[in-house]
Amino acid sequence: YALQKFGAAFKTKPDQTQCFVDVGNSYTELVILK
């Protein structure tokens, strides 16, 4: 959810795709926004 809020702070077009990958020590999170 924190990654989603981070991505939503950028100026993007409604149909633009954003992908965020957070590589932690124990877990890797993949988040995709449109």
PDB file of all heavy atoms in Angstrom:
ATOM      1  N   TYR A   1       0.830  -1.198   0.000  1.00  0.00           N
ATOM      2  CA  TYR A   1       0.000   0.000   0.000  1.00  0.00           C
ATOM      3  C   TYR A   1       0.870   1.256   0.000  1.00  0.00           C
ATOM      4  O   TYR A   1       0.539   2.254  -0.644  1.00  0.00           O
ATOM      5  CB  TYR A   1      -0.924  -0.022   1.216  1.00  0.00           C
ATOM      6  CG  TYR A   1      -1.945   1.087   1.258  1.00  0.00           C
ATOM      7  CD1 TYR A   1      -3.027   1.088   0.385  1.00  0.00           C
ATOM      8  CD2 TYR A   1      -1.833   2.125   2.170  1.00  0.00           C
ATOM      9  CE1 TYR A   1      -3.976   2.105   0.431  1.00  0.00           C
ATOM     10  CE2 TYR A   1      -2.784   3.142   2.224  1.00  0.00           C
ATOM     11  CZ  TYR A   1      -3.842   3.119   1.356  1.00  0.00           C
ATOM     12  OH  TYR A   1      -4.766   4.130   1.399  1.00  0.00           O
ATOM     13  N   ALA A   2       1.995   1.203   0.714  1.00  0.00           N
ATOM     14  CA  ALA A   2       2.927   2.330   0.709  1.00  0.00           C
ATOM     15  C   ALA A   2       3.490   2.564  -0.689  1.00  0.00           C
ATOM     16  O   ALA A   2       3.626   3.712  -1.138  1.00  0.00           O
ATOM     17  CB  ALA A   2       4.064   2.080   1.701  1.00  0.00           C
ATOM     18  N   LEU A   3       3.793   1.477  -1.417  1.00  0.00           N
ATOM     19  CA  LEU A   3       4.289   1.602  -2.788  1.00  0.00           C
ATOM     20  C   LEU A   3       3.228   2.198  -3.705  1.00  0.00           C
ATOM     21  O   LEU A   3       3.532   2.992  -4.595  1.00  0.00           O
ATOM     22  CB  LEU A   3       4.736   0.234  -3.311  1.00  0.00           C
ATOM     23  CG  LEU A   3       5.995  -0.359  -2.669  1.00  0.00           C
ATOM     24  CD1 LEU A   3       6.205  -1.789  -3.149  1.00  0.00           C
ATOM     25  CD2 LEU A   3       7.223   0.494  -2.979  1.00  0.00           C
ATOM     26  N   GLN A   4       1.961   1.813  -3.483  1.00  0.00           N
ATOM     27  CA  GLN A   4       0.878   2.376  -4.288  1.00  0.00           C
ATOM     28  C   GLN A   4       0.768   3.877  -4.070  1.00  0.00           C
ATOM     29  O   GLN A   4       0.608   4.648  -5.025  1.00  0.00           O
ATOM     30  CB  GLN A   4      -0.438   1.677  -3.954  1.00  0.00           C
ATOM     31  CG  GLN A   4      -1.608   2.107  -4.848  1.00  0.00           C
ATOM     32  CD  GLN A   4      -2.387   3.292  -4.291  1.00  0.00           C
ATOM     33  OE1 GLN A   4      -2.464   3.461  -3.073  1.00  0.00           O
ATOM     34  NE2 GLN A   4      -2.960   4.096  -5.168  1.00  0.00           N
ATOM     35  N   LYS A   5       0.863   4.316  -2.817  1.00  0.00           N
ATOM     36  CA  LYS A   5       0.782   5.741  -2.519  1.00  0.00           C
ATOM     37  C   LYS A   5       1.977   6.489  -3.110  1.00  0.00           C
ATOM     38  O   LYS A   5       1.854   7.633  -3.563  1.00  0.00           O
ATOM     39  CB  LYS A   5       0.709   5.958  -1.007  1.00  0.00           C
ATOM     40  CG  LYS A   5      -0.629   5.563  -0.403  1.00  0.00           C
ATOM     41  CD  LYS A   5      -1.759   6.394  -0.998  1.00  0.00           C
ATOM     42  CE  LYS A   5      -3.108   6.044  -0.420  1.00  0.00           C
ATOM     43  NZ  LYS A   5      -4.202   6.819  -1.048  1.00  0.00           N
ATOM     44  N   PHE A   6       3.131   5.839  -3.093  1.00  0.00           N
ATOM     45  CA  PHE A   6       4.323   6.442  -3.702  1.00  0.00           C
ATOM     46  C   PHE A   6       4.109   6.645  -5.201  1.00  0.00           C
ATOM     47  O   PHE A   6       4.356   7.717  -5.751  1.00  0.00           O
ATOM     48  CB  PHE A   6       5.529   5.541  -3.448  1.00  0.00           C
ATOM     49  CG  PHE A   6       6.786   5.982  -4.143  1.00  0.00           C
ATOM     50  CD1 PHE A   6       7.495   7.087  -3.687  1.00  0.00           C
ATOM     51  CD2 PHE A   6       7.269   5.292  -5.248  1.00  0.00           C
ATOM     52  CE1 PHE A   6       8.663   7.492  -4.329  1.00  0.00           C
ATOM     53  CE2 PHE A   6       8.432   5.693  -5.887  1.00  0.00           C
ATOM     54  CZ  PHE A   6       9.128   6.800  -5.434  1.00  0.00           C
ATOM     55  N   GLY A   7       3.604   5.609  -5.867  1.00  0.00           N
ATOM     56  CA  GLY A   7       3.380   5.703  -7.306  1.00  0.00           C
ATOM     57  C   GLY A   7       2.307   6.705  -7.662  1.00  0.00           C
ATOM     58  O   GLY A   7       2.393   7.400  -8.684  1.00  0.00           O
ATOM     59  N   ALA A   8       1.285   6.832  -6.814  1.00  0.00           N
ATOM     60  CA  ALA A   8       0.181   7.759  -7.084  1.00  0.00           C
ATOM     61  C   ALA A   8       0.616   9.212  -6.980  1.00  0.00           C
ATOM     62  O   ALA A   8      -0.082  10.110  -7.459  1.00  0.00           O
ATOM     63  CB  ALA A   8      -0.979   7.491  -6.128  1.00  0.00           C
ATOM     64  N   ALA A   9       1.778   9.455  -6.359  1.00  0.00           N
ATOM     65  CA  ALA A   9       2.267  10.828  -6.216  1.00  0.00           C
ATOM     66  C   ALA A   9       2.857  11.362  -7.518  1.00  0.00           C
ATOM     67  O   ALA A   9       3.031  12.576  -7.678  1.00  0.00           O
ATOM     68  CB  ALA A   9       3.318  10.898  -5.110  1.00  0.00           C
ATOM     69  N   PHE A  10       3.144  10.476  -8.478  1.00  0.00           N
ATOM     70  CA  PHE A  10       3.715  10.910  -9.746  1.00  0.00           C
ATOM     71  C   PHE A  10       2.624  11.400 -10.692  1.00  0.00           C
ATOM     72  O   PHE A  10       1.482  10.937 -10.643  1.00  0.00           O
ATOM     73  CB  PHE A  10       4.478   9.762 -10.415  1.00  0.00           C
ATOM     74  CG  PHE A  10       5.744   9.369  -9.717  1.00  0.00           C
ATOM     75  CD1 PHE A  10       5.757   8.331  -8.798  1.00  0.00           C
ATOM     76  CD2 PHE A  10       6.927  10.045  -9.963  1.00  0.00           C
ATOM     77  CE1 PHE A  10       6.916   7.965  -8.146  1.00  0.00           C
ATOM     78  CE2 PHE A  10       8.090   9.693  -9.314  1.00  0.00           C
ATOM     79  CZ  PHE A  10       8.092   8.654  -8.407  1.00  0.00           C
ATOM     80  N   LYS A  11       2.990  12.324 -11.569  1.00  0.00           N
ATOM     81  CA  LYS A  11       2.070  12.780 -12.602  1.00  0.00           C
ATOM     82  C   LYS A  11       2.069  11.753 -13.730  1.00  0.00           C
ATOM     83  O   LYS A  11       3.082  11.552 -14.399  1.00  0.00           O
ATOM     84  CB  LYS A  11       2.492  14.151 -13.130  1.00  0.00           C
ATOM     85  CG  LYS A  11       2.337  15.283 -12.112  1.00  0.00           C
ATOM     86  CD  LYS A  11       2.705  16.628 -12.719  1.00  0.00           C
ATOM     87  CE  LYS A  11       2.507  17.754 -11.719  1.00  0.00           C
ATOM     88  NZ  LYS A  11       2.866  19.074 -12.287  1.00  0.00           N
ATOM     89  N   THR A  12       0.933  11.090 -13.922  1.00  0.00           N
ATOM     90  CA  THR A  12       0.835  10.050 -14.939  1.00  0.00           C
ATOM     91  C   THR A  12      -0.469  10.196 -15.710  1.00  0.00           C
ATOM     92  O   THR A  12      -1.436  10.778 -15.226  1.00  0.00           O
ATOM     93  CB  THR A  12       0.867   8.643 -14.302  1.00  0.00           C
ATOM     94  OG1 THR A  12      -0.206   8.523 -13.364  1.00  0.00           O
ATOM     95  CG2 THR A  12       2.192   8.403 -13.578  1.00  0.00           C
ATOM     96  N   LYS A  13      -0.487   9.625 -16.909  1.00  0.00           N
ATOM     97  CA  LYS A  13      -1.719   9.574 -17.687  1.00  0.00           C
ATOM     98  C   LYS A  13      -2.590   8.449 -17.149  1.00  0.00           C
ATOM     99  O   LYS A  13      -2.088   7.474 -16.594  1.00  0.00           O
ATOM    100  CB  LYS A  13      -1.385   9.339 -19.158  1.00  0.00           C
ATOM    101  CG  LYS A  13      -0.580  10.471 -19.777  1.00  0.00           C
ATOM    102  CD  LYS A  13      -0.257  10.164 -21.235  1.00  0.00           C
ATOM    103  CE  LYS A  13       0.548  11.290 -21.860  1.00  0.00           C
ATOM    104  NZ  LYS A  13       0.905  11.003 -23.278  1.00  0.00           N
ATOM    105  N   PRO A  14      -3.910   8.563 -17.287  1.00  0.00           N
ATOM    106  CA  PRO A  14      -4.821   7.539 -16.730  1.00  0.00           C
ATOM    107  C   PRO A  14      -4.528   6.123 -17.219  1.00  0.00           C
ATOM    108  O   PRO A  14      -4.784   5.157 -16.501  1.00  0.00           O
ATOM    109  CB  PRO A  14      -6.201   8.010 -17.182  1.00  0.00           C
ATOM    110  CG  PRO A  14      -6.049   9.495 -17.355  1.00  0.00           C
ATOM    111  CD  PRO A  14      -4.655   9.691 -17.882  1.00  0.00           C
ATOM    112  N   ASP A  15      -4.010   5.978 -18.455  1.00  0.00           N
ATOM    113  CA  ASP A  15      -3.751   4.641 -19.006  1.00  0.00           C
ATOM    114  C   ASP A  15      -2.277   4.243 -18.911  1.00  0.00           C
ATOM    115  O   ASP A  15      -1.871   3.214 -19.449  1.00  0.00           O
ATOM    116  CB  ASP A  15      -4.216   4.561 -20.458  1.00  0.00           C
ATOM    117  CG  ASP A  15      -3.486   5.567 -21.355  1.00  0.00           C
ATOM    118  OD1 ASP A  15      -2.813   6.478 -20.816  1.00  0.00           O
ATOM    119  OD2 ASP A  15      -3.600   5.443 -22.585  1.00  0.00           O
ATOM    120  N   GLN A  16      -1.477   5.051 -18.215  1.00  0.00           N
ATOM    121  CA  GLN A  16      -0.048   4.754 -18.103  1.00  0.00           C
ATOM    122  C   GLN A  16       0.203   3.702 -17.022  1.00  0.00           C
ATOM    123  O   GLN A  16      -0.366   3.759 -15.937  1.00  0.00           O
ATOM    124  CB  GLN A  16       0.735   6.032 -17.776  1.00  0.00           C
ATOM    125  CG  GLN A  16       2.247   5.834 -17.704  1.00  0.00           C
ATOM    126  CD  GLN A  16       2.978   7.148 -17.478  1.00  0.00           C
ATOM    127  OE1 GLN A  16       2.431   8.223 -17.729  1.00  0.00           O
ATOM    128  NE2 GLN A  16       4.215   7.062 -17.017  1.00  0.00           N
ATOM    129  N   THR A  17       1.068   2.725 -17.334  1.00  0.00           N
ATOM    130  CA  THR A  17       1.388   1.657 -16.398  1.00  0.00           C
ATOM    131  C   THR A  17       2.678   1.964 -15.650  1.00  0.00           C
ATOM    132  O   THR A  17       3.672   2.385 -16.250  1.00  0.00           O
ATOM    133  CB  THR A  17       1.542   0.310 -17.128  1.00  0.00           C
ATOM    134  OG1 THR A  17       0.306  -0.006 -17.783  1.00  0.00           O
ATOM    135  CG2 THR A  17       1.892  -0.808 -16.155  1.00  0.00           C
ATOM    136  N   GLN A  18       2.636   1.775 -14.336  1.00  0.00           N
ATOM    137  CA  GLN A  18       3.820   1.914 -13.502  1.00  0.00           C
ATOM    138  C   GLN A  18       4.063   0.594 -12.775  1.00  0.00           C
ATOM    139  O   GLN A  18       3.123  -0.053 -12.310  1.00  0.00           O
ATOM    140  CB  GLN A  18       3.643   3.005 -12.450  1.00  0.00           C
ATOM    141  CG  GLN A  18       3.387   4.394 -12.989  1.00  0.00           C
ATOM    142  CD  GLN A  18       3.318   5.397 -11.865  1.00  0.00           C
ATOM    143  OE1 GLN A  18       4.334   5.848 -11.340  1.00  0.00           O
ATOM    144  NE2 GLN A  18       2.111   5.757 -11.470  1.00  0.00           N
ATOM    145  N   CYS A  19       5.322   0.211 -12.668  1.00  0.00           N
ATOM    146  CA  CYS A  19       5.688  -1.018 -11.974  1.00  0.00           C
ATOM    147  C   CYS A  19       6.743  -0.692 -10.921  1.00  0.00           C
ATOM    148  O   CYS A  19       7.753  -0.044 -11.225  1.00  0.00           O
ATOM    149  CB  CYS A  19       6.225  -2.051 -12.956  1.00  0.00           C
ATOM    150  SG  CYS A  19       6.738  -3.600 -12.169  1.00  0.00           S
ATOM    151  N   PHE A  20       6.509  -1.134  -9.688  1.00  0.00           N
ATOM    152  CA  PHE A  20       7.446  -0.898  -8.594  1.00  0.00           C
ATOM    153  C   PHE A  20       7.838  -2.234  -7.973  1.00  0.00           C
ATOM    154  O   PHE A  20       6.986  -3.082  -7.709  1.00  0.00           O
ATOM    155  CB  PHE A  20       6.820   0.003  -7.527  1.00  0.00           C
ATOM    156  CG  PHE A  20       6.479   1.369  -8.033  1.00  0.00           C
ATOM    157  CD1 PHE A  20       5.202   1.639  -8.538  1.00  0.00           C
ATOM    158  CD2 PHE A  20       7.419   2.392  -8.042  1.00  0.00           C
ATOM    159  CE1 PHE A  20       4.879   2.895  -9.019  1.00  0.00           C
ATOM    160  CE2 PHE A  20       7.104   3.647  -8.527  1.00  0.00           C
ATOM    161  CZ  PHE A  20       5.840   3.901  -9.015  1.00  0.00           C
ATOM    162  N   VAL A  21       9.144  -2.407  -7.748  1.00  0.00           N
ATOM    163  CA  VAL A  21       9.674  -3.618  -7.130  1.00  0.00           C
ATOM    164  C   VAL A  21      10.474  -3.211  -5.896  1.00  0.00           C
ATOM    165  O   VAL A  21      11.421  -2.441  -5.991  1.00  0.00           O
ATOM    166  CB  VAL A  21      10.568  -4.412  -8.095  1.00  0.00           C
ATOM    167  CG1 VAL A  21      11.115  -5.667  -7.403  1.00  0.00           C
ATOM    168  CG2 VAL A  21       9.786  -4.793  -9.350  1.00  0.00           C
ATOM    169  N   ASP A  22      10.059  -3.719  -4.752  1.00  0.00           N
ATOM    170  CA  ASP A  22      10.761  -3.448  -3.495  1.00  0.00           C
ATOM    171  C   ASP A  22      11.464  -4.729  -3.063  1.00  0.00           C
ATOM    172  O   ASP A  22      10.820  -5.700  -2.666  1.00  0.00           O
ATOM    173  CB  ASP A  22       9.771  -2.996  -2.421  1.00  0.00           C
ATOM    174  CG  ASP A  22      10.443  -2.796  -1.069  1.00  0.00           C
ATOM    175  OD1 ASP A  22      11.500  -2.141  -1.040  1.00  0.00           O
ATOM    176  OD2 ASP A  22       9.922  -3.300  -0.060  1.00  0.00           O
ATOM    177  N   VAL A  23      12.809  -4.739  -3.166  1.00  0.00           N
ATOM    178  CA  VAL A  23      13.599  -5.916  -2.816  1.00  0.00           C
ATOM    179  C   VAL A  23      14.092  -5.763  -1.386  1.00  0.00           C
ATOM    180  O   VAL A  23      15.030  -5.010  -1.116  1.00  0.00           O
ATOM    181  CB  VAL A  23      14.787  -6.109  -3.772  1.00  0.00           C
ATOM    182  CG1 VAL A  23      15.564  -7.379  -3.402  1.00  0.00           C
ATOM    183  CG2 VAL A  23      14.304  -6.183  -5.215  1.00  0.00           C
ATOM    184  N   GLY A  24      13.437  -6.443  -0.450  1.00  0.00           N
ATOM    185  CA  GLY A  24      13.865  -6.424   0.931  1.00  0.00           C
ATOM    186  C   GLY A  24      14.789  -7.581   1.228  1.00  0.00           C
ATOM    187  O   GLY A  24      15.112  -8.388   0.347  1.00  0.00           O
ATOM    188  N   ASN A  25      15.206  -7.691   2.474  1.00  0.00           N
ATOM    189  CA  ASN A  25      16.078  -8.789   2.854  1.00  0.00           C
ATOM    190  C   ASN A  25      15.333 -10.118   2.849  1.00  0.00           C
ATOM    191  O   ASN A  25      15.892 -11.155   2.484  1.00  0.00           O
ATOM    192  CB  ASN A  25      16.661  -8.547   4.246  1.00  0.00           C
ATOM    193  CG  ASN A  25      17.657  -9.617   4.649  1.00  0.00           C
ATOM    194  OD1 ASN A  25      18.754  -9.695   4.111  1.00  0.00           O
ATOM    195  ND2 ASN A  25      17.283 -10.454   5.602  1.00  0.00           N
ATOM    196  N   SER A  26      14.057 -10.080   3.229  1.00  0.00           N
ATOM    197  CA  SER A  26      13.276 -11.318   3.344  1.00  0.00           C
ATOM    198  C   SER A  26      12.192 -11.457   2.281  1.00  0.00           C
ATOM    199  O   SER A  26      11.806 -12.581   1.950  1.00  0.00           O
ATOM    200  CB  SER A  26      12.617 -11.391   4.728  1.00  0.00           C
ATOM    201  OG  SER A  26      13.581 -11.333   5.763  1.00  0.00           O
ATOM    202  N   TYR A  27      11.683 -10.320   1.746  1.00  0.00           N
ATOM    203  CA  TYR A  27      10.565 -10.364   0.817  1.00  0.00           C
ATOM    204  C   TYR A  27      10.799  -9.398  -0.335  1.00  0.00           C
ATOM    205  O   TYR A  27      11.445  -8.365  -0.179  1.00  0.00           O
ATOM    206  CB  TYR A  27       9.245  -9.981   1.513  1.00  0.00           C
ATOM    207  CG  TYR A  27       9.059 -10.623   2.863  1.00  0.00           C
ATOM    208  CD1 TYR A  27       9.261  -9.902   4.030  1.00  0.00           C
ATOM    209  CD2 TYR A  27       8.718 -11.962   2.970  1.00  0.00           C
ATOM    210  CE1 TYR A  27       9.109 -10.489   5.270  1.00  0.00           C
ATOM    211  CE2 TYR A  27       8.575 -12.561   4.203  1.00  0.00           C
ATOM    212  CZ  TYR A  27       8.765 -11.821   5.357  1.00  0.00           C
ATOM    213  OH  TYR A  27       8.629 -12.408   6.580  1.00  0.00           O
ATOM    214  N   THR A  28      10.265  -9.768  -1.498  1.00  0.00           N
ATOM    215  CA  THR A  28      10.256  -8.870  -2.639  1.00  0.00           C
ATOM    216  C   THR A  28       8.814  -8.599  -3.022  1.00  0.00           C
ATOM    217  O   THR A  28       8.030  -9.540  -3.213  1.00  0.00           O
ATOM    218  CB  THR A  28      11.009  -9.476  -3.837  1.00  0.00           C
ATOM    219  OG1 THR A  28      12.392  -9.627  -3.495  1.00  0.00           O
ATOM    220  CG2 THR A  28      10.905  -8.563  -5.059  1.00  0.00           C
ATOM    221  N   GLU A  29       8.465  -7.323  -3.090  1.00  0.00           N
ATOM    222  CA  GLU A  29       7.093  -6.932  -3.424  1.00  0.00           C
ATOM    223  C   GLU A  29       7.040  -6.394  -4.848  1.00  0.00           C
ATOM    224  O   GLU A  29       7.879  -5.586  -5.250  1.00  0.00           O
ATOM    225  CB  GLU A  29       6.589  -5.842  -2.471  1.00  0.00           C
ATOM    226  CG  GLU A  29       6.378  -6.296  -1.045  1.00  0.00           C
ATOM    227  CD  GLU A  29       5.164  -7.187  -0.859  1.00  0.00           C
ATOM    228  OE1 GLU A  29       4.326  -7.259  -1.795  1.00  0.00           O
ATOM    229  OE2 GLU A  29       5.060  -7.808   0.210  1.00  0.00           O
ATOM    230  N   LEU A  30       6.054  -6.845  -5.595  1.00  0.00           N
ATOM    231  CA  LEU A  30       5.779  -6.340  -6.941  1.00  0.00           C
ATOM    232  C   LEU A  30       4.435  -5.645  -6.918  1.00  0.00           C
ATOM    233  O   LEU A  30       3.429  -6.232  -6.524  1.00  0.00           O
ATOM    234  CB  LEU A  30       5.755  -7.485  -7.946  1.00  0.00           C
ATOM    235  CG  LEU A  30       5.278  -7.133  -9.366  1.00  0.00           C
ATOM    236  CD1 LEU A  30       6.255  -6.171 -10.034  1.00  0.00           C
ATOM    237  CD2 LEU A  30       5.100  -8.393 -10.198  1.00  0.00           C
ATOM    238  N   VAL A  31       4.422  -4.382  -7.326  1.00  0.00           N
ATOM    239  CA  VAL A  31       3.196  -3.586  -7.355  1.00  0.00           C
ATOM    240  C   VAL A  31       3.069  -2.945  -8.724  1.00  0.00           C
ATOM    241  O   VAL A  31       4.022  -2.337  -9.224  1.00  0.00           O
ATOM    242  CB  VAL A  31       3.215  -2.492  -6.258  1.00  0.00           C
ATOM    243  CG1 VAL A  31       2.083  -1.508  -6.458  1.00  0.00           C
ATOM    244  CG2 VAL A  31       3.100  -3.141  -4.875  1.00  0.00           C
ATOM    245  N   ILE A  32       1.895  -3.087  -9.339  1.00  0.00           N
ATOM    246  CA  ILE A  32       1.643  -2.502 -10.658  1.00  0.00           C
ATOM    247  C   ILE A  32       0.446  -1.561 -10.557  1.00  0.00           C
ATOM    248  O   ILE A  32      -0.604  -1.917 -10.001  1.00  0.00           O
ATOM    249  CB  ILE A  32       1.377  -3.590 -11.711  1.00  0.00           C
ATOM    250  CG1 ILE A  32       2.619  -4.491 -11.850  1.00  0.00           C
ATOM    251  CG2 ILE A  32       1.024  -2.971 -13.061  1.00  0.00           C
ATOM    252  CD1 ILE A  32       2.424  -5.668 -12.786  1.00  0.00           C
ATOM    253  N   LEU A  33       0.638  -0.356 -11.102  1.00  0.00           N
ATOM    254  CA  LEU A  33      -0.418   0.648 -11.117  1.00  0.00           C
ATOM    255  C   LEU A  33      -0.782   0.980 -12.559  1.00  0.00           C
ATOM    256  O   LEU A  33       0.064   0.935 -13.461  1.00  0.00           O
ATOM    257  CB  LEU A  33       0.041   1.941 -10.440  1.00  0.00           C
ATOM    258  CG  LEU A  33      -0.025   2.052  -8.914  1.00  0.00           C
ATOM    259  CD1 LEU A  33       0.956   1.080  -8.267  1.00  0.00           C
ATOM    260  CD2 LEU A  33       0.297   3.471  -8.474  1.00  0.00           C
ATOM    261  N   LYS A  34      -2.055   1.307 -12.763  1.00  0.00           N
ATOM    262  CA  LYS A  34      -2.497   1.899 -14.022  1.00  0.00           C
ATOM    263  C   LYS A  34      -2.962   3.301 -13.689  1.00  0.00           C
ATOM    264  O   LYS A  34      -3.943   3.475 -12.963  1.00  0.00           O
ATOM    265  CB  LYS A  34      -3.624   1.093 -14.658  1.00  0.00           C
ATOM    266  CG  LYS A  34      -4.012   1.604 -16.037  1.00  0.00           C
ATOM    267  CD  LYS A  34      -5.018   0.696 -16.712  1.00  0.00           C
ATOM    268  CE  LYS A  34      -5.335   1.210 -18.120  1.00  0.00           C
ATOM    269  NZ  LYS A  34      -6.324   0.338 -18.806  1.00  0.00           N
TER     270      LYS A  34
END
